[in-house]
N, C-alpha and C. Protein backbone atom coordinates (compact mmCIF):
# COMPACT_ATOMS: atom_id res chain seq x y z
N MET A 1 -34.62 208.29 178.53
CA MET A 1 -35.03 207.07 177.87
C MET A 1 -36.41 206.68 178.39
N ASP A 2 -37.25 206.14 177.54
CA ASP A 2 -38.61 205.78 177.91
C ASP A 2 -38.74 204.40 178.52
N ARG A 3 -37.66 203.65 178.59
CA ARG A 3 -37.75 202.30 179.13
C ARG A 3 -38.14 202.33 180.59
N THR A 4 -39.06 201.45 180.93
CA THR A 4 -39.51 201.35 182.31
C THR A 4 -39.45 199.89 182.73
N PRO A 5 -38.63 199.56 183.74
CA PRO A 5 -38.67 198.18 184.21
C PRO A 5 -40.00 197.92 184.91
N LEU A 6 -40.57 196.75 184.67
CA LEU A 6 -41.84 196.39 185.32
C LEU A 6 -41.64 196.39 186.83
N SER A 7 -40.55 195.86 187.26
CA SER A 7 -40.13 195.88 188.66
C SER A 7 -38.62 195.72 188.61
N SER A 8 -37.94 196.38 189.50
CA SER A 8 -36.48 196.32 189.45
C SER A 8 -35.96 194.90 189.64
N SER A 9 -36.76 194.02 190.23
CA SER A 9 -36.31 192.66 190.46
C SER A 9 -36.70 191.70 189.34
N LEU A 10 -37.53 192.13 188.41
CA LEU A 10 -37.97 191.26 187.33
C LEU A 10 -37.23 191.57 186.03
N PRO A 11 -36.96 190.54 185.23
CA PRO A 11 -36.25 190.72 183.97
C PRO A 11 -37.20 191.12 182.84
N VAL A 12 -38.03 192.11 183.09
CA VAL A 12 -39.06 192.53 182.14
C VAL A 12 -38.92 194.03 181.91
N THR A 13 -39.08 194.43 180.66
CA THR A 13 -39.00 195.85 180.30
C THR A 13 -40.24 196.25 179.54
N ILE A 14 -40.70 197.47 179.80
CA ILE A 14 -41.79 198.06 179.03
C ILE A 14 -41.23 199.32 178.38
N ASP A 15 -41.24 199.34 177.07
CA ASP A 15 -40.70 200.47 176.31
C ASP A 15 -41.66 200.75 175.17
N PRO A 16 -42.20 201.95 175.06
CA PRO A 16 -43.16 202.24 173.99
C PRO A 16 -42.58 202.03 172.59
N ASN A 17 -41.26 201.98 172.48
CA ASN A 17 -40.63 201.78 171.18
C ASN A 17 -40.33 200.32 170.87
N ILE A 18 -40.65 199.43 171.79
CA ILE A 18 -40.43 198.00 171.58
C ILE A 18 -41.77 197.30 171.71
N VAL A 19 -42.22 196.70 170.63
CA VAL A 19 -43.50 195.97 170.57
C VAL A 19 -44.62 196.81 171.18
N SER A 20 -44.63 198.08 170.85
CA SER A 20 -45.68 199.02 171.27
C SER A 20 -45.91 199.06 172.78
N GLY A 21 -44.85 198.86 173.54
CA GLY A 21 -44.98 198.95 174.99
C GLY A 21 -45.42 197.67 175.68
N THR A 22 -45.52 196.59 174.93
CA THR A 22 -45.85 195.30 175.52
C THR A 22 -44.71 194.86 176.44
N PRO A 23 -45.00 194.32 177.62
CA PRO A 23 -43.92 193.83 178.48
C PRO A 23 -43.14 192.72 177.77
N VAL A 24 -41.82 192.91 177.68
CA VAL A 24 -40.94 191.95 177.02
C VAL A 24 -39.83 191.54 177.97
N PHE A 25 -39.22 190.39 177.68
CA PHE A 25 -38.03 189.99 178.42
C PHE A 25 -36.93 190.99 178.14
N ARG A 26 -36.22 191.42 179.18
CA ARG A 26 -35.19 192.45 179.02
C ARG A 26 -34.18 192.05 177.94
N GLY A 27 -33.82 193.03 177.14
CA GLY A 27 -32.85 192.82 176.08
C GLY A 27 -33.37 192.08 174.87
N THR A 28 -34.70 191.86 174.82
CA THR A 28 -35.29 191.13 173.70
C THR A 28 -36.54 191.86 173.22
N ARG A 29 -37.15 191.30 172.19
CA ARG A 29 -38.45 191.76 171.71
C ARG A 29 -39.50 190.67 171.94
N VAL A 30 -39.21 189.75 172.84
CA VAL A 30 -40.09 188.61 173.11
C VAL A 30 -41.06 188.99 174.23
N PRO A 31 -42.36 189.07 173.90
CA PRO A 31 -43.35 189.40 174.93
C PRO A 31 -43.40 188.33 176.03
N VAL A 32 -43.52 188.76 177.26
CA VAL A 32 -43.63 187.85 178.39
C VAL A 32 -44.86 186.96 178.22
N GLN A 33 -45.93 187.52 177.67
CA GLN A 33 -47.16 186.75 177.46
C GLN A 33 -46.91 185.50 176.61
N THR A 34 -45.94 185.58 175.71
CA THR A 34 -45.63 184.44 174.85
C THR A 34 -45.22 183.23 175.68
N LEU A 35 -44.45 183.45 176.73
CA LEU A 35 -44.05 182.34 177.61
C LEU A 35 -45.29 181.70 178.22
N PHE A 36 -46.21 182.50 178.73
CA PHE A 36 -47.41 181.95 179.35
C PHE A 36 -48.30 181.24 178.32
N ASP A 37 -48.35 181.76 177.11
CA ASP A 37 -49.12 181.11 176.04
C ASP A 37 -48.53 179.73 175.73
N TYR A 38 -47.21 179.67 175.63
CA TYR A 38 -46.55 178.39 175.34
C TYR A 38 -46.80 177.39 176.45
N ILE A 39 -46.64 177.83 177.70
CA ILE A 39 -46.85 176.93 178.84
C ILE A 39 -48.30 176.45 178.87
N ALA A 40 -49.24 177.35 178.63
CA ALA A 40 -50.66 176.99 178.62
C ALA A 40 -50.98 175.96 177.54
N ASP A 41 -50.23 176.02 176.44
CA ASP A 41 -50.44 175.07 175.34
C ASP A 41 -49.71 173.75 175.56
N GLY A 42 -49.03 173.61 176.71
CA GLY A 42 -48.35 172.37 177.02
C GLY A 42 -46.91 172.29 176.55
N THR A 43 -46.37 173.40 176.10
CA THR A 43 -44.98 173.44 175.65
C THR A 43 -44.07 173.50 176.87
N THR A 44 -42.96 172.79 176.82
CA THR A 44 -42.01 172.83 177.93
C THR A 44 -41.19 174.12 177.89
N LEU A 45 -40.59 174.44 179.01
CA LEU A 45 -39.72 175.61 179.07
C LEU A 45 -38.56 175.45 178.10
N ASP A 46 -38.01 174.25 178.00
CA ASP A 46 -36.89 174.02 177.07
C ASP A 46 -37.31 174.29 175.63
N GLU A 47 -38.50 173.87 175.26
CA GLU A 47 -38.99 174.13 173.90
C GLU A 47 -39.17 175.63 173.67
N PHE A 48 -39.71 176.32 174.65
CA PHE A 48 -39.86 177.77 174.54
C PHE A 48 -38.50 178.41 174.33
N LEU A 49 -37.53 178.04 175.15
CA LEU A 49 -36.20 178.63 175.06
C LEU A 49 -35.52 178.28 173.73
N ASP A 50 -35.78 177.09 173.20
CA ASP A 50 -35.25 176.74 171.87
C ASP A 50 -35.83 177.65 170.80
N ASN A 51 -37.10 177.99 170.93
CA ASN A 51 -37.77 178.85 169.95
C ASN A 51 -37.41 180.33 170.12
N PHE A 52 -36.99 180.71 171.32
CA PHE A 52 -36.66 182.11 171.61
C PHE A 52 -35.29 182.17 172.30
N PRO A 53 -34.22 181.93 171.53
CA PRO A 53 -32.89 181.82 172.13
C PRO A 53 -32.37 183.11 172.77
N THR A 54 -33.01 184.24 172.51
CA THR A 54 -32.57 185.49 173.15
C THR A 54 -33.06 185.59 174.59
N VAL A 55 -34.01 184.75 174.98
CA VAL A 55 -34.51 184.76 176.36
C VAL A 55 -33.61 183.86 177.20
N GLN A 56 -33.12 184.39 178.29
CA GLN A 56 -32.26 183.63 179.20
C GLN A 56 -33.12 182.72 180.09
N ARG A 57 -32.63 181.50 180.32
CA ARG A 57 -33.36 180.55 181.17
C ARG A 57 -33.67 181.16 182.54
N ALA A 58 -32.68 181.80 183.15
CA ALA A 58 -32.89 182.39 184.48
C ALA A 58 -33.99 183.44 184.45
N ASP A 59 -34.07 184.21 183.36
CA ASP A 59 -35.11 185.24 183.25
C ASP A 59 -36.49 184.60 183.14
N ALA A 60 -36.59 183.55 182.31
CA ALA A 60 -37.88 182.87 182.15
C ALA A 60 -38.32 182.24 183.47
N LEU A 61 -37.40 181.62 184.17
CA LEU A 61 -37.74 181.01 185.46
C LEU A 61 -38.17 182.07 186.47
N GLN A 62 -37.48 183.19 186.48
CA GLN A 62 -37.84 184.26 187.42
C GLN A 62 -39.24 184.80 187.12
N VAL A 63 -39.56 184.95 185.85
CA VAL A 63 -40.90 185.41 185.48
C VAL A 63 -41.95 184.38 185.90
N LEU A 64 -41.70 183.11 185.63
CA LEU A 64 -42.66 182.08 186.02
C LEU A 64 -42.86 182.05 187.53
N GLU A 65 -41.79 182.20 188.29
CA GLU A 65 -41.89 182.15 189.75
C GLU A 65 -42.59 183.37 190.33
N ASN A 66 -42.38 184.53 189.72
CA ASN A 66 -42.90 185.78 190.30
C ASN A 66 -44.22 186.24 189.70
N ILE A 67 -44.41 186.02 188.43
CA ILE A 67 -45.64 186.48 187.78
C ILE A 67 -46.64 185.35 187.62
N GLY A 68 -46.16 184.13 187.48
CA GLY A 68 -47.04 182.98 187.30
C GLY A 68 -48.14 182.88 188.34
N PRO A 69 -47.81 183.00 189.63
CA PRO A 69 -48.86 182.93 190.66
C PRO A 69 -49.91 184.03 190.50
N LEU A 70 -49.50 185.20 190.06
CA LEU A 70 -50.46 186.29 189.85
C LEU A 70 -51.40 185.97 188.69
N VAL A 71 -50.83 185.37 187.64
CA VAL A 71 -51.66 184.99 186.48
C VAL A 71 -52.65 183.91 186.90
N ARG A 72 -52.17 182.91 187.63
CA ARG A 72 -53.06 181.83 188.09
C ARG A 72 -54.15 182.38 189.00
N ALA A 73 -53.81 183.30 189.87
CA ALA A 73 -54.80 183.89 190.79
C ALA A 73 -55.86 184.64 190.00
N GLY A 74 -55.47 185.32 188.96
CA GLY A 74 -56.42 186.06 188.12
C GLY A 74 -57.34 185.14 187.36
N VAL A 75 -56.84 183.98 186.97
CA VAL A 75 -57.64 183.02 186.22
C VAL A 75 -58.66 182.36 187.13
N SER A 76 -58.28 182.09 188.38
CA SER A 76 -59.18 181.37 189.27
C SER A 76 -60.18 182.27 189.99
N SER A 77 -60.00 183.59 189.91
CA SER A 77 -60.94 184.46 190.62
C SER A 77 -62.11 184.87 189.76
């Protein structure tokens, strides 16, 4: 199988057959970047989860806690 977890501890999958290999929340076709786009636009996590019910709250929180600081560091450098 071509699926590659981004990290074994993160709920993110990269599969060339799903959204052309874009990192998505595991078990979904929802790109992780979509969460960051929503948050950047001022959308709450609850609103994001309402719009993407296949994404689990725990997965979204884990991504925000683990990847969010890396994204912020990249923006500020």
